[in-house]
Amino acid sequence: MAHPIKLRRDRFERRAHALGLDTQSRQAAAIGTNETTHSRVLAGERSPGVRYVLGALHLLGDDKTRKLISELFDVPTAKRSA
């Protein structure tokens, strides 16, 4: 049985706050997910899905990470506000 993926909330929040994303609503919008999903992932009640992980990496990663995501995956663009 596979072990669930869990978001390291403290690390995520530290990086998100550094970008000025100080509410779950703003964080969810920037990732490209809804606030309920984001809240559940933060609380450890739900494992992040592929779109969530890619959105978080795109948001919080450096330019090299964003470029690699774009090169390897054809991901439809979602609203991303930083």
N, C-alpha and C. Protein backbone atom coordinates (compact mmCIF):
# COMPACT_ATOMS: atom_id res chain seq x y z
N MET A 1 0.84 -1.18 0.00
CA MET A 1 0.00 0.00 0.00
C MET A 1 0.88 1.25 0.00
N ALA A 2 0.56 2.18 -0.85
CA ALA A 2 1.34 3.40 -0.96
C ALA A 2 1.09 4.32 0.24
N HIS A 3 2.12 5.02 0.61
CA HIS A 3 1.99 5.98 1.70
C HIS A 3 1.53 7.31 1.12
N PRO A 4 0.60 7.98 1.82
CA PRO A 4 0.10 9.25 1.28
C PRO A 4 1.16 10.34 1.30
N ILE A 5 1.07 11.20 0.32
CA ILE A 5 1.96 12.37 0.26
C ILE A 5 1.37 13.43 1.17
N LYS A 6 2.20 14.04 1.98
CA LYS A 6 1.75 15.11 2.88
C LYS A 6 2.57 16.36 2.60
N LEU A 7 1.89 17.48 2.60
CA LEU A 7 2.55 18.77 2.44
C LEU A 7 3.22 19.15 3.75
N ARG A 8 4.44 19.62 3.68
CA ARG A 8 5.12 20.13 4.88
C ARG A 8 4.64 21.57 5.09
N ARG A 9 3.59 21.68 5.87
CA ARG A 9 2.86 22.94 6.02
C ARG A 9 3.75 24.10 6.44
N ASP A 10 4.60 23.89 7.43
CA ASP A 10 5.45 24.98 7.93
C ASP A 10 6.35 25.53 6.83
N ARG A 11 6.92 24.65 6.04
CA ARG A 11 7.81 25.08 4.97
C ARG A 11 7.03 25.78 3.86
N PHE A 12 5.87 25.22 3.52
CA PHE A 12 5.03 25.85 2.49
C PHE A 12 4.64 27.26 2.93
N GLU A 13 4.12 27.36 4.15
CA GLU A 13 3.63 28.66 4.61
C GLU A 13 4.76 29.70 4.70
N ARG A 14 5.92 29.28 5.12
CA ARG A 14 7.06 30.21 5.19
C ARG A 14 7.37 30.78 3.80
N ARG A 15 7.41 29.92 2.80
CA ARG A 15 7.70 30.39 1.43
C ARG A 15 6.56 31.22 0.86
N ALA A 16 5.33 30.81 1.12
CA ALA A 16 4.17 31.55 0.61
C ALA A 16 4.11 32.94 1.25
N HIS A 17 4.34 33.02 2.54
CA HIS A 17 4.31 34.31 3.23
C HIS A 17 5.42 35.23 2.71
N ALA A 18 6.55 34.66 2.34
CA ALA A 18 7.64 35.47 1.79
C ALA A 18 7.23 36.11 0.46
N LEU A 19 6.27 35.50 -0.23
CA LEU A 19 5.76 36.06 -1.49
C LEU A 19 4.56 36.98 -1.26
N GLY A 20 4.21 37.19 0.01
CA GLY A 20 3.08 38.05 0.33
C GLY A 20 1.74 37.33 0.30
N LEU A 21 1.77 36.02 0.21
CA LEU A 21 0.54 35.23 0.19
C LEU A 21 0.22 34.80 1.62
N ASP A 22 -0.45 35.69 2.34
CA ASP A 22 -0.64 35.48 3.77
C ASP A 22 -1.99 34.91 4.15
N THR A 23 -2.82 34.59 3.18
CA THR A 23 -4.10 33.94 3.48
C THR A 23 -4.22 32.67 2.65
N GLN A 24 -5.00 31.73 3.15
CA GLN A 24 -5.21 30.49 2.41
C GLN A 24 -5.91 30.76 1.08
N SER A 25 -6.78 31.74 1.07
CA SER A 25 -7.49 32.09 -0.16
C SER A 25 -6.52 32.56 -1.24
N ARG A 26 -5.59 33.43 -0.88
CA ARG A 26 -4.60 33.92 -1.85
C ARG A 26 -3.65 32.80 -2.27
N GLN A 27 -3.28 31.95 -1.33
CA GLN A 27 -2.39 30.83 -1.64
C GLN A 27 -3.08 29.88 -2.62
N ALA A 28 -4.34 29.54 -2.35
CA ALA A 28 -5.07 28.62 -3.23
C ALA A 28 -5.19 29.18 -4.64
N ALA A 29 -5.52 30.46 -4.75
CA ALA A 29 -5.64 31.08 -6.06
C ALA A 29 -4.31 31.06 -6.80
N ALA A 30 -3.23 31.32 -6.10
CA ALA A 30 -1.91 31.34 -6.73
C ALA A 30 -1.48 29.94 -7.20
N ILE A 31 -1.88 28.92 -6.47
CA ILE A 31 -1.56 27.54 -6.86
C ILE A 31 -2.44 27.09 -8.02
N GLY A 32 -3.66 27.62 -8.06
CA GLY A 32 -4.59 27.22 -9.10
C GLY A 32 -5.56 26.16 -8.61
N THR A 33 -5.86 26.19 -7.32
CA THR A 33 -6.80 25.23 -6.75
C THR A 33 -7.86 26.00 -5.97
N ASN A 34 -8.85 25.29 -5.45
CA ASN A 34 -9.86 26.00 -4.67
C ASN A 34 -9.46 26.01 -3.20
N GLU A 35 -10.07 26.91 -2.47
CA GLU A 35 -9.70 27.12 -1.07
C GLU A 35 -9.96 25.89 -0.19
N THR A 36 -11.03 25.17 -0.48
CA THR A 36 -11.35 23.97 0.31
C THR A 36 -10.27 22.91 0.15
N THR A 37 -9.87 22.65 -1.07
CA THR A 37 -8.80 21.67 -1.32
C THR A 37 -7.52 22.10 -0.63
N HIS A 38 -7.17 23.37 -0.79
CA HIS A 38 -5.95 23.87 -0.17
C HIS A 38 -5.99 23.72 1.35
N SER A 39 -7.10 24.06 1.94
CA SER A 39 -7.25 23.95 3.39
C SER A 39 -7.09 22.50 3.85
N ARG A 40 -7.67 21.58 3.11
CA ARG A 40 -7.58 20.15 3.47
C ARG A 40 -6.16 19.61 3.30
N VAL A 41 -5.47 20.06 2.26
CA VAL A 41 -4.08 19.64 2.07
C VAL A 41 -3.22 20.19 3.21
N LEU A 42 -3.41 21.47 3.54
CA LEU A 42 -2.65 22.07 4.64
C LEU A 42 -2.88 21.34 5.96
N ALA A 43 -4.11 20.93 6.20
CA ALA A 43 -4.46 20.26 7.46
C ALA A 43 -4.05 18.79 7.47
N GLY A 44 -3.58 18.27 6.34
CA GLY A 44 -3.20 16.87 6.26
C GLY A 44 -4.38 15.93 6.10
N GLU A 45 -5.54 16.50 5.78
CA GLU A 45 -6.75 15.69 5.60
C GLU A 45 -6.85 15.12 4.19
N ARG A 46 -6.04 15.63 3.29
CA ARG A 46 -6.07 15.19 1.90
C ARG A 46 -4.65 15.25 1.34
N SER A 47 -4.31 14.27 0.53
CA SER A 47 -3.02 14.31 -0.16
C SER A 47 -3.12 15.25 -1.35
N PRO A 48 -2.05 16.00 -1.61
CA PRO A 48 -2.09 16.88 -2.77
C PRO A 48 -2.07 16.06 -4.06
N GLY A 49 -2.88 16.48 -5.01
CA GLY A 49 -2.91 15.83 -6.32
C GLY A 49 -1.83 16.39 -7.23
N VAL A 50 -1.77 15.85 -8.41
CA VAL A 50 -0.76 16.25 -9.39
C VAL A 50 -0.84 17.75 -9.69
N ARG A 51 -2.04 18.25 -9.96
CA ARG A 51 -2.20 19.67 -10.28
C ARG A 51 -1.78 20.55 -9.11
N TYR A 52 -2.09 20.13 -7.90
CA TYR A 52 -1.71 20.89 -6.72
C TYR A 52 -0.18 20.95 -6.61
N VAL A 53 0.46 19.81 -6.73
CA VAL A 53 1.92 19.75 -6.62
C VAL A 53 2.58 20.61 -7.70
N LEU A 54 2.13 20.46 -8.94
CA LEU A 54 2.70 21.27 -10.02
C LEU A 54 2.46 22.76 -9.78
N GLY A 55 1.27 23.10 -9.30
CA GLY A 55 0.96 24.50 -9.01
C GLY A 55 1.84 25.07 -7.91
N ALA A 56 2.05 24.28 -6.86
CA ALA A 56 2.90 24.72 -5.75
C ALA A 56 4.35 24.87 -6.20
N LEU A 57 4.84 23.93 -7.00
CA LEU A 57 6.21 24.03 -7.49
C LEU A 57 6.38 25.21 -8.43
N HIS A 58 5.38 25.44 -9.26
CA HIS A 58 5.44 26.59 -10.17
C HIS A 58 5.44 27.89 -9.38
N LEU A 59 4.62 27.95 -8.36
CA LEU A 59 4.52 29.16 -7.53
C LEU A 59 5.77 29.40 -6.71
N LEU A 60 6.25 28.38 -6.03
CA LEU A 60 7.31 28.56 -5.06
C LEU A 60 8.71 28.24 -5.58
N GLY A 61 8.78 27.59 -6.73
CA GLY A 61 10.07 27.23 -7.28
C GLY A 61 10.78 28.41 -7.93
N ASP A 62 12.03 28.19 -8.25
CA ASP A 62 12.80 29.23 -8.92
C ASP A 62 12.53 29.17 -10.43
N ASP A 63 13.14 30.07 -11.16
CA ASP A 63 12.93 30.12 -12.61
C ASP A 63 13.30 28.81 -13.30
N LYS A 64 14.34 28.17 -12.82
CA LYS A 64 14.78 26.90 -13.41
C LYS A 64 13.70 25.83 -13.22
N THR A 65 13.08 25.81 -12.05
CA THR A 65 12.01 24.85 -11.77
C THR A 65 10.81 25.11 -12.67
N ARG A 66 10.40 26.38 -12.78
CA ARG A 66 9.26 26.73 -13.64
C ARG A 66 9.54 26.37 -15.10
N LYS A 67 10.74 26.62 -15.55
CA LYS A 67 11.11 26.30 -16.93
C LYS A 67 11.05 24.79 -17.17
N LEU A 68 11.56 24.02 -16.22
CA LEU A 68 11.54 22.57 -16.35
C LEU A 68 10.11 22.04 -16.39
N ILE A 69 9.24 22.57 -15.53
CA ILE A 69 7.83 22.16 -15.55
C ILE A 69 7.24 22.43 -16.93
N SER A 70 7.50 23.62 -17.45
CA SER A 70 6.95 24.00 -18.76
C SER A 70 7.51 23.14 -19.88
N GLU A 71 8.78 22.76 -19.78
CA GLU A 71 9.39 21.94 -20.81
C GLU A 71 8.87 20.51 -20.80
N LEU A 72 8.59 19.97 -19.62
CA LEU A 72 8.22 18.57 -19.51
C LEU A 72 6.73 18.30 -19.54
N PHE A 73 5.93 19.29 -19.17
CA PHE A 73 4.49 19.06 -19.04
C PHE A 73 3.70 20.12 -19.78
N ASP A 74 2.63 19.68 -20.42
CA ASP A 74 1.70 20.58 -21.06
C ASP A 74 0.55 20.78 -20.07
N VAL A 75 0.68 21.81 -19.25
CA VAL A 75 -0.30 22.07 -18.20
C VAL A 75 -1.12 23.28 -18.61
N PRO A 76 -2.45 23.12 -18.72
CA PRO A 76 -3.28 24.28 -19.03
C PRO A 76 -3.08 25.36 -17.98
N THR A 77 -2.97 26.58 -18.43
CA THR A 77 -2.71 27.67 -17.49
C THR A 77 -3.93 27.95 -16.65
N ALA A 78 -3.68 28.20 -15.38
CA ALA A 78 -4.71 28.61 -14.43
C ALA A 78 -4.33 29.99 -13.96
N LYS A 79 -5.27 30.66 -13.36
CA LYS A 79 -4.96 31.98 -12.80
C LYS A 79 -3.88 31.81 -11.76
N ARG A 80 -2.82 32.54 -11.91
CA ARG A 80 -1.74 32.51 -10.93
C ARG A 80 -1.42 33.95 -10.56
N SER A 81 -1.60 34.25 -9.29
CA SER A 81 -1.26 35.60 -8.83
C SER A 81 -0.21 35.47 -7.75
N ALA A 82 0.81 36.26 -7.87
CA ALA A 82 1.89 36.18 -6.89
C ALA A 82 1.93 37.42 -6.04
